[in-house]
Amino acid sequence: MVTETRLPASASASAVRSVLATVHDPEIPTVSIVDLGLVHDVRVAQDRIVVELLPTFVACPALEVIHSMVVDALAVFGRPADVTFTFAVPWTTERLTPAGAEGLRRAGIAPPAEPSEVRCPFCASARVAMDSAFGPALCRSLFYCRDCRQPFEAFKPV
């Protein structure tokens, strides 16, 4: 019987970023943390990987889960991973990639826009009304589409 030994993946900043692109936001599983713009910095040293992430909001309830998911994903490199959240620069919705905006739509969440510019993620209608500026998370508001009659969340612009 032949047993296969897996060698650690070769670590480079681009390889680490590729792995991070497979880590999805636990609250929005259609969007990776890379496409949300959470990855601030990646450094690879001989003995460790250092990743700095930007939280969308200070009190985001998913931070510990994201931290654990990133550490687990980086285990493929076979070296310690120092994963921290930083406030060196503020996270803004401008960091969201086009793939991230599309991932939000697929999850039924309107991408960031001023309230007057929000479109329904289900039918793209502009005939929407804000039900509440406060949604299930600090980063989202609640809306209702007058055309398809679907309630939906909209990511707040920051």
N, C-alpha and C. Protein backbone atom coordinates (compact mmCIF):
# COMPACT_ATOMS: atom_id res chain seq x y z
N MET A 1 0.83 -1.17 0.00
CA MET A 1 0.00 0.00 0.00
C MET A 1 0.89 1.24 0.00
N VAL A 2 0.56 2.20 -0.86
CA VAL A 2 1.32 3.44 -0.98
C VAL A 2 0.57 4.52 -0.23
N THR A 3 1.27 5.20 0.64
CA THR A 3 0.66 6.34 1.32
C THR A 3 1.21 7.61 0.72
N GLU A 4 0.34 8.55 0.56
CA GLU A 4 0.73 9.82 -0.05
C GLU A 4 1.02 10.83 1.05
N THR A 5 2.17 11.47 0.96
CA THR A 5 2.52 12.51 1.91
C THR A 5 2.30 13.85 1.24
N ARG A 6 1.51 14.69 1.89
CA ARG A 6 1.25 16.02 1.33
C ARG A 6 2.30 16.98 1.84
N LEU A 7 2.94 17.65 0.93
CA LEU A 7 3.90 18.68 1.29
C LEU A 7 3.16 20.01 1.41
N PRO A 8 3.63 20.88 2.30
CA PRO A 8 2.99 22.19 2.42
C PRO A 8 3.06 22.94 1.08
N ALA A 9 2.02 23.70 0.80
CA ALA A 9 1.99 24.49 -0.41
C ALA A 9 3.08 25.56 -0.35
N SER A 10 3.58 25.93 -1.51
CA SER A 10 4.59 26.98 -1.58
C SER A 10 3.93 28.31 -1.24
N ALA A 11 4.50 29.01 -0.30
CA ALA A 11 3.90 30.26 0.16
C ALA A 11 4.54 31.47 -0.52
N SER A 12 3.70 32.27 -1.08
CA SER A 12 4.08 33.58 -1.62
C SER A 12 2.89 34.47 -1.33
N ALA A 13 3.06 35.76 -1.41
CA ALA A 13 1.95 36.67 -1.14
C ALA A 13 0.78 36.40 -2.09
N SER A 14 1.08 36.14 -3.36
CA SER A 14 -0.02 35.87 -4.30
C SER A 14 -0.69 34.53 -4.01
N ALA A 15 0.09 33.53 -3.59
CA ALA A 15 -0.51 32.23 -3.23
C ALA A 15 -1.40 32.38 -2.00
N VAL A 16 -0.96 33.17 -1.03
CA VAL A 16 -1.76 33.41 0.16
C VAL A 16 -3.05 34.14 -0.23
N ARG A 17 -2.95 35.15 -1.08
CA ARG A 17 -4.15 35.87 -1.52
C ARG A 17 -5.11 34.94 -2.26
N SER A 18 -4.57 34.02 -3.04
CA SER A 18 -5.43 33.05 -3.74
C SER A 18 -6.19 32.18 -2.75
N VAL A 19 -5.53 31.75 -1.70
CA VAL A 19 -6.20 30.95 -0.67
C VAL A 19 -7.24 31.82 0.04
N LEU A 20 -6.90 33.06 0.34
CA LEU A 20 -7.85 33.95 1.02
C LEU A 20 -9.10 34.19 0.17
N ALA A 21 -8.95 34.13 -1.13
CA ALA A 21 -10.10 34.31 -2.03
C ALA A 21 -11.10 33.17 -1.90
N THR A 22 -10.70 32.07 -1.27
CA THR A 22 -11.62 30.95 -1.05
C THR A 22 -12.33 31.04 0.29
N VAL A 23 -11.97 32.02 1.11
CA VAL A 23 -12.59 32.21 2.42
C VAL A 23 -13.77 33.16 2.23
N HIS A 24 -14.96 32.66 2.52
CA HIS A 24 -16.16 33.47 2.32
C HIS A 24 -16.65 34.07 3.63
N ASP A 25 -17.27 35.23 3.52
CA ASP A 25 -17.84 35.89 4.68
C ASP A 25 -18.88 34.95 5.30
N PRO A 26 -18.82 34.70 6.61
CA PRO A 26 -19.77 33.77 7.21
C PRO A 26 -21.22 34.24 7.17
N GLU A 27 -21.44 35.53 7.08
CA GLU A 27 -22.80 36.05 7.00
C GLU A 27 -23.29 36.17 5.56
N ILE A 28 -22.35 36.23 4.62
CA ILE A 28 -22.71 36.38 3.20
C ILE A 28 -21.85 35.38 2.42
N PRO A 29 -22.23 34.13 2.38
CA PRO A 29 -21.37 33.09 1.80
C PRO A 29 -21.16 33.17 0.29
N THR A 30 -21.78 34.11 -0.37
CA THR A 30 -21.57 34.28 -1.81
C THR A 30 -20.45 35.27 -2.11
N VAL A 31 -19.79 35.78 -1.04
CA VAL A 31 -18.75 36.79 -1.22
C VAL A 31 -17.52 36.39 -0.41
N SER A 32 -16.36 36.43 -1.06
CA SER A 32 -15.12 36.13 -0.34
C SER A 32 -14.65 37.36 0.42
N ILE A 33 -13.78 37.12 1.40
CA ILE A 33 -13.23 38.26 2.15
C ILE A 33 -12.35 39.12 1.27
N VAL A 34 -11.79 38.54 0.22
CA VAL A 34 -11.00 39.33 -0.74
C VAL A 34 -11.93 40.25 -1.52
N ASP A 35 -13.05 39.73 -2.00
CA ASP A 35 -13.98 40.55 -2.78
C ASP A 35 -14.72 41.58 -1.93
N LEU A 36 -14.79 41.33 -0.62
CA LEU A 36 -15.34 42.34 0.28
C LEU A 36 -14.33 43.44 0.57
N GLY A 37 -13.07 43.19 0.23
CA GLY A 37 -12.03 44.18 0.48
C GLY A 37 -11.51 44.15 1.90
N LEU A 38 -11.65 43.02 2.57
CA LEU A 38 -11.19 42.92 3.96
C LEU A 38 -9.68 42.71 4.07
N VAL A 39 -9.04 42.19 3.03
CA VAL A 39 -7.61 41.89 3.11
C VAL A 39 -6.81 43.17 2.89
N HIS A 40 -6.16 43.60 3.96
CA HIS A 40 -5.37 44.84 3.90
C HIS A 40 -3.92 44.58 3.51
N ASP A 41 -3.31 43.57 4.13
CA ASP A 41 -1.89 43.31 3.86
C ASP A 41 -1.60 41.83 4.03
N VAL A 42 -0.69 41.33 3.21
CA VAL A 42 -0.21 39.95 3.29
C VAL A 42 1.31 40.00 3.19
N ARG A 43 1.96 39.38 4.17
CA ARG A 43 3.43 39.28 4.15
C ARG A 43 3.80 37.83 4.42
N VAL A 44 4.77 37.35 3.67
CA VAL A 44 5.24 35.98 3.86
C VAL A 44 6.70 36.03 4.26
N ALA A 45 7.01 35.47 5.42
CA ALA A 45 8.38 35.37 5.90
C ALA A 45 8.77 33.90 5.84
N GLN A 46 10.02 33.63 6.13
CA GLN A 46 10.51 32.25 6.09
C GLN A 46 9.75 31.35 7.05
N ASP A 47 9.40 31.89 8.22
CA ASP A 47 8.80 31.05 9.25
C ASP A 47 7.32 31.30 9.51
N ARG A 48 6.71 32.29 8.86
CA ARG A 48 5.31 32.58 9.15
C ARG A 48 4.65 33.40 8.05
N ILE A 49 3.33 33.45 8.14
CA ILE A 49 2.52 34.27 7.24
C ILE A 49 1.82 35.31 8.10
N VAL A 50 1.84 36.55 7.66
CA VAL A 50 1.19 37.64 8.39
C VAL A 50 0.09 38.21 7.50
N VAL A 51 -1.12 38.23 8.04
CA VAL A 51 -2.26 38.76 7.29
C VAL A 51 -2.95 39.80 8.17
N GLU A 52 -3.17 40.97 7.59
CA GLU A 52 -3.93 42.02 8.27
C GLU A 52 -5.25 42.20 7.54
N LEU A 53 -6.32 42.17 8.32
CA LEU A 53 -7.67 42.31 7.77
C LEU A 53 -8.30 43.59 8.29
N LEU A 54 -9.17 44.18 7.49
CA LEU A 54 -9.92 45.37 7.89
C LEU A 54 -11.36 44.96 8.20
N PRO A 55 -11.83 45.21 9.41
CA PRO A 55 -13.23 44.91 9.69
C PRO A 55 -14.14 45.93 9.00
N THR A 56 -15.30 45.48 8.55
CA THR A 56 -16.24 46.41 7.93
C THR A 56 -16.76 47.41 8.97
N PHE A 57 -17.03 46.91 10.17
CA PHE A 57 -17.47 47.74 11.28
C PHE A 57 -16.76 47.26 12.53
N VAL A 58 -16.49 48.13 13.46
CA VAL A 58 -15.76 47.79 14.68
C VAL A 58 -16.44 46.64 15.42
N ALA A 59 -17.74 46.68 15.54
CA ALA A 59 -18.46 45.68 16.33
C ALA A 59 -19.02 44.55 15.48
N CYS A 60 -18.45 44.29 14.32
CA CYS A 60 -18.93 43.21 13.46
C CYS A 60 -18.92 41.89 14.23
N PRO A 61 -20.06 41.21 14.32
CA PRO A 61 -20.11 39.98 15.11
C PRO A 61 -19.38 38.80 14.47
N ALA A 62 -18.98 38.93 13.22
CA ALA A 62 -18.35 37.82 12.51
C ALA A 62 -16.82 37.83 12.59
N LEU A 63 -16.22 38.78 13.28
CA LEU A 63 -14.76 38.91 13.27
C LEU A 63 -14.04 37.65 13.77
N GLU A 64 -14.48 37.08 14.86
CA GLU A 64 -13.82 35.88 15.39
C GLU A 64 -13.95 34.70 14.44
N VAL A 65 -15.11 34.58 13.82
CA VAL A 65 -15.34 33.49 12.87
C VAL A 65 -14.44 33.69 11.65
N ILE A 66 -14.36 34.91 11.14
CA ILE A 66 -13.49 35.19 9.99
C ILE A 66 -12.04 34.88 10.36
N HIS A 67 -11.61 35.30 11.52
CA HIS A 67 -10.25 35.03 11.97
C HIS A 67 -9.97 33.52 11.94
N SER A 68 -10.85 32.74 12.52
CA SER A 68 -10.67 31.28 12.56
C SER A 68 -10.66 30.67 11.16
N MET A 69 -11.54 31.14 10.30
CA MET A 69 -11.61 30.61 8.94
C MET A 69 -10.32 30.91 8.17
N VAL A 70 -9.76 32.09 8.36
CA VAL A 70 -8.52 32.47 7.68
C VAL A 70 -7.36 31.62 8.19
N VAL A 71 -7.25 31.47 9.50
CA VAL A 71 -6.17 30.63 10.07
C VAL A 71 -6.29 29.21 9.54
N ASP A 72 -7.51 28.67 9.52
CA ASP A 72 -7.70 27.30 9.01
C ASP A 72 -7.33 27.19 7.54
N ALA A 73 -7.71 28.16 6.74
CA ALA A 73 -7.42 28.12 5.30
C ALA A 73 -5.91 28.20 5.04
N LEU A 74 -5.20 28.98 5.85
CA LEU A 74 -3.76 29.16 5.64
C LEU A 74 -2.93 27.99 6.16
N ALA A 75 -3.56 27.06 6.84
CA ALA A 75 -2.84 25.88 7.35
C ALA A 75 -2.23 25.06 6.22
N VAL A 76 -2.74 25.21 5.01
CA VAL A 76 -2.21 24.50 3.86
C VAL A 76 -0.73 24.83 3.62
N PHE A 77 -0.28 25.97 4.11
CA PHE A 77 1.11 26.37 3.90
C PHE A 77 2.07 25.77 4.93
N GLY A 78 1.54 25.12 5.96
CA GLY A 78 2.38 24.44 6.92
C GLY A 78 3.27 25.33 7.76
N ARG A 79 2.84 26.54 8.02
CA ARG A 79 3.60 27.46 8.88
C ARG A 79 2.61 28.32 9.66
N PRO A 80 3.04 28.86 10.77
CA PRO A 80 2.12 29.68 11.57
C PRO A 80 1.60 30.88 10.78
N ALA A 81 0.35 31.23 11.06
CA ALA A 81 -0.26 32.39 10.42
C ALA A 81 -0.68 33.36 11.51
N ASP A 82 -0.14 34.57 11.44
CA ASP A 82 -0.54 35.64 12.34
C ASP A 82 -1.61 36.45 11.62
N VAL A 83 -2.84 36.32 12.08
CA VAL A 83 -3.97 37.00 11.46
C VAL A 83 -4.51 38.01 12.46
N THR A 84 -4.50 39.28 12.06
CA THR A 84 -4.99 40.33 12.95
C THR A 84 -5.94 41.26 12.19
N PHE A 85 -6.75 41.96 12.96
CA PHE A 85 -7.58 43.01 12.40
C PHE A 85 -6.91 44.34 12.70
N THR A 86 -6.88 45.21 11.73
CA THR A 86 -6.21 46.49 11.88
C THR A 86 -7.16 47.62 11.54
N PHE A 87 -6.89 48.76 12.12
CA PHE A 87 -7.63 49.97 11.81
C PHE A 87 -6.67 51.00 11.20
N ALA A 88 -5.56 50.51 10.60
CA ALA A 88 -4.55 51.38 10.00
C ALA A 88 -5.19 52.29 8.95
N VAL A 89 -6.11 51.75 8.21
CA VAL A 89 -6.92 52.54 7.28
C VAL A 89 -8.36 52.06 7.47
N PRO A 90 -9.31 52.92 7.29
CA PRO A 90 -10.69 52.48 7.47
C PRO A 90 -11.16 51.65 6.27
N TRP A 91 -11.95 50.63 6.55
CA TRP A 91 -12.59 49.89 5.46
C TRP A 91 -13.69 50.78 4.91
N THR A 92 -13.81 50.83 3.59
CA THR A 92 -14.92 51.53 2.96
C THR A 92 -15.52 50.63 1.90
N THR A 93 -16.72 50.95 1.50
CA THR A 93 -17.38 50.13 0.49
C THR A 93 -16.71 50.27 -0.88
N GLU A 94 -15.83 51.23 -1.04
CA GLU A 94 -15.07 51.34 -2.29
C GLU A 94 -14.10 50.17 -2.47
N ARG A 95 -13.82 49.45 -1.39
CA ARG A 95 -12.93 48.29 -1.46
C ARG A 95 -13.64 47.06 -2.03
N LEU A 96 -14.95 47.09 -2.10
CA LEU A 96 -15.74 45.99 -2.64
C LEU A 96 -15.46 45.85 -4.13
N THR A 97 -15.10 44.64 -4.57
CA THR A 97 -14.81 44.42 -5.99
C THR A 97 -16.12 44.22 -6.77
N PRO A 98 -16.08 44.32 -8.10
CA PRO A 98 -17.29 44.01 -8.88
C PRO A 98 -17.81 42.59 -8.61
N ALA A 99 -16.91 41.63 -8.41
CA ALA A 99 -17.34 40.27 -8.07
C ALA A 99 -18.01 40.26 -6.70
N GLY A 100 -17.53 41.10 -5.80
CA GLY A 100 -18.16 41.21 -4.48
C GLY A 100 -19.56 41.78 -4.58
N ALA A 101 -19.74 42.81 -5.41
CA ALA A 101 -21.07 43.40 -5.60
C ALA A 101 -22.02 42.37 -6.21
N GLU A 102 -21.54 41.59 -7.15
CA GLU A 102 -22.37 40.55 -7.76
C GLU A 102 -22.70 39.46 -6.74
N GLY A 103 -21.74 39.11 -5.89
CA GLY A 103 -21.99 38.13 -4.84
C GLY A 103 -23.05 38.61 -3.86
N LEU A 104 -23.05 39.91 -3.55
CA LEU A 104 -24.09 40.45 -2.69
C LEU A 104 -25.45 40.30 -3.35
N ARG A 105 -25.54 40.63 -4.64
CA ARG A 105 -26.82 40.49 -5.36
C ARG A 105 -27.31 39.05 -5.33
N ARG A 106 -26.38 38.10 -5.55
CA ARG A 106 -26.76 36.68 -5.53
C ARG A 106 -27.29 36.26 -4.17
N ALA A 107 -26.85 36.93 -3.12
CA ALA A 107 -27.32 36.63 -1.77
C ALA A 107 -28.61 37.40 -1.44
N GLY A 108 -29.11 38.20 -2.39
CA GLY A 108 -30.31 38.98 -2.16
C GLY A 108 -30.06 40.26 -1.39
N ILE A 109 -28.83 40.75 -1.46
CA ILE A 109 -28.44 41.98 -0.78
C ILE A 109 -28.03 43.01 -1.84
N ALA A 110 -28.61 44.19 -1.77
CA ALA A 110 -28.24 45.23 -2.73
C ALA A 110 -26.84 45.74 -2.40
N PRO A 111 -26.00 45.93 -3.42
CA PRO A 111 -24.67 46.49 -3.18
C PRO A 111 -24.77 47.91 -2.63
N PRO A 112 -23.68 48.41 -2.05
CA PRO A 112 -23.71 49.74 -1.44
C PRO A 112 -24.14 50.83 -2.42
N ALA A 113 -25.03 51.67 -1.95
CA ALA A 113 -25.49 52.83 -2.72
C ALA A 113 -26.20 53.75 -1.75
N GLU A 114 -26.27 55.01 -2.11
CA GLU A 114 -27.07 55.94 -1.31
C GLU A 114 -28.52 55.45 -1.35
N PRO A 115 -29.31 55.69 -0.31
CA PRO A 115 -30.69 55.18 -0.29
C PRO A 115 -31.50 55.50 -1.55
N SER A 116 -31.30 56.67 -2.12
CA SER A 116 -32.05 57.04 -3.33
C SER A 116 -31.58 56.28 -4.57
N GLU A 117 -30.42 55.62 -4.48
CA GLU A 117 -29.84 54.90 -5.63
C GLU A 117 -29.96 53.38 -5.50
N VAL A 118 -30.49 52.89 -4.40
CA VAL A 118 -30.57 51.44 -4.17
C VAL A 118 -31.52 50.81 -5.18
N ARG A 119 -31.10 49.66 -5.72
CA ARG A 119 -31.92 48.88 -6.64
C ARG A 119 -32.17 47.51 -6.04
N CYS A 120 -33.32 46.97 -6.33
CA CYS A 120 -33.69 45.65 -5.83
C CYS A 120 -32.72 44.60 -6.39
N PRO A 121 -32.14 43.75 -5.54
CA PRO A 121 -31.22 42.73 -6.04
C PRO A 121 -31.93 41.60 -6.78
N PHE A 122 -33.26 41.53 -6.66
CA PHE A 122 -34.02 40.46 -7.31
C PHE A 122 -34.50 40.84 -8.70
N CYS A 123 -34.99 42.09 -8.86
CA CYS A 123 -35.54 42.48 -10.17
C CYS A 123 -34.90 43.74 -10.74
N ALA A 124 -33.95 44.34 -10.03
CA ALA A 124 -33.21 45.54 -10.44
C ALA A 124 -34.07 46.80 -10.48
N SER A 125 -35.26 46.75 -9.92
CA SER A 125 -36.13 47.92 -9.88
C SER A 125 -35.55 49.00 -8.97
N ALA A 126 -35.80 50.24 -9.37
CA ALA A 126 -35.42 51.38 -8.53
C ALA A 126 -36.59 51.81 -7.65
N ARG A 127 -37.75 51.15 -7.84
CA ARG A 127 -38.93 51.49 -7.03
C ARG A 127 -38.87 50.73 -5.70
N VAL A 128 -38.00 51.23 -4.83
CA VAL A 128 -37.78 50.58 -3.54
C VAL A 128 -38.00 51.60 -2.43
N ALA A 129 -38.29 51.08 -1.24
CA ALA A 129 -38.48 51.95 -0.07
C ALA A 129 -37.68 51.38 1.09
N MET A 130 -37.02 52.27 1.82
CA MET A 130 -36.30 51.84 3.00
C MET A 130 -37.30 51.60 4.13
N ASP A 131 -37.29 50.38 4.68
CA ASP A 131 -38.13 50.07 5.83
C ASP A 131 -37.44 50.47 7.13
N SER A 132 -36.12 50.27 7.18
CA SER A 132 -35.37 50.61 8.38
C SER A 132 -33.91 50.81 8.02
N ALA A 133 -33.32 51.84 8.60
CA ALA A 133 -31.89 52.07 8.40
C ALA A 133 -31.07 51.03 9.14
N PHE A 134 -31.71 50.29 10.03
CA PHE A 134 -31.03 49.30 10.85
C PHE A 134 -31.46 47.90 10.44
N GLY A 135 -30.50 47.14 9.92
CA GLY A 135 -30.78 45.78 9.49
C GLY A 135 -30.26 44.77 10.49
N PRO A 136 -30.11 43.52 10.06
CA PRO A 136 -29.66 42.46 10.95
C PRO A 136 -28.19 42.58 11.34
N ALA A 137 -27.45 43.42 10.63
CA ALA A 137 -26.05 43.69 10.95
C ALA A 137 -25.83 45.19 10.78
N LEU A 138 -24.79 45.71 11.42
CA LEU A 138 -24.52 47.15 11.36
C LEU A 138 -24.28 47.65 9.94
N CYS A 139 -23.86 46.76 9.06
CA CYS A 139 -23.49 47.18 7.70
C CYS A 139 -24.66 47.14 6.72
N ARG A 140 -25.87 46.80 7.19
CA ARG A 140 -26.98 46.66 6.25
C ARG A 140 -28.25 47.36 6.74
N SER A 141 -29.06 47.81 5.77
CA SER A 141 -30.37 48.42 6.02
C SER A 141 -31.43 47.51 5.40
N LEU A 142 -32.69 47.72 5.79
CA LEU A 142 -33.80 46.92 5.26
C LEU A 142 -34.61 47.74 4.25
N PHE A 143 -34.91 47.12 3.12
CA PHE A 143 -35.68 47.76 2.05
C PHE A 143 -36.81 46.85 1.61
N TYR A 144 -37.71 47.42 0.82
CA TYR A 144 -38.82 46.68 0.23
C TYR A 144 -38.95 47.12 -1.22
N CYS A 145 -39.12 46.14 -2.13
CA CYS A 145 -39.28 46.46 -3.55
C CYS A 145 -40.77 46.58 -3.88
N ARG A 146 -41.14 47.70 -4.45
CA ARG A 146 -42.55 47.93 -4.80
C ARG A 146 -42.96 47.19 -6.07
N ASP A 147 -41.98 46.74 -6.87
CA ASP A 147 -42.32 46.02 -8.10
C ASP A 147 -42.45 44.52 -7.86
N CYS A 148 -41.42 43.88 -7.35
CA CYS A 148 -41.49 42.42 -7.15
C CYS A 148 -41.98 42.06 -5.74
N ARG A 149 -42.15 43.08 -4.90
CA ARG A 149 -42.70 42.94 -3.54
C ARG A 149 -41.84 42.09 -2.61
N GLN A 150 -40.55 42.08 -2.88
CA GLN A 150 -39.62 41.34 -2.03
C GLN A 150 -38.97 42.28 -1.02
N PRO A 151 -38.93 41.85 0.24
CA PRO A 151 -38.08 42.58 1.18
C PRO A 151 -36.63 42.20 0.92
N PHE A 152 -35.71 43.11 1.17
CA PHE A 152 -34.29 42.78 0.97
C PHE A 152 -33.44 43.69 1.83
N GLU A 153 -32.19 43.30 1.96
CA GLU A 153 -31.21 44.10 2.68
C GLU A 153 -30.36 44.85 1.67
N ALA A 154 -29.83 45.98 2.08
CA ALA A 154 -28.90 46.75 1.25
C ALA A 154 -27.67 47.05 2.09
N PHE A 155 -26.51 46.81 1.51
CA PHE A 155 -25.25 47.11 2.18
C PHE A 155 -25.12 48.63 2.26
N LYS A 156 -24.84 49.15 3.43
CA LYS A 156 -24.72 50.59 3.61
C LYS A 156 -23.42 51.11 2.99
N PRO A 157 -23.48 52.24 2.30
CA PRO A 157 -22.23 52.83 1.81
C PRO A 157 -21.47 53.46 2.96
N VAL A 158 -20.18 53.23 2.99
CA VAL A 158 -19.33 53.80 4.04
C VAL A 158 -18.15 54.46 3.38
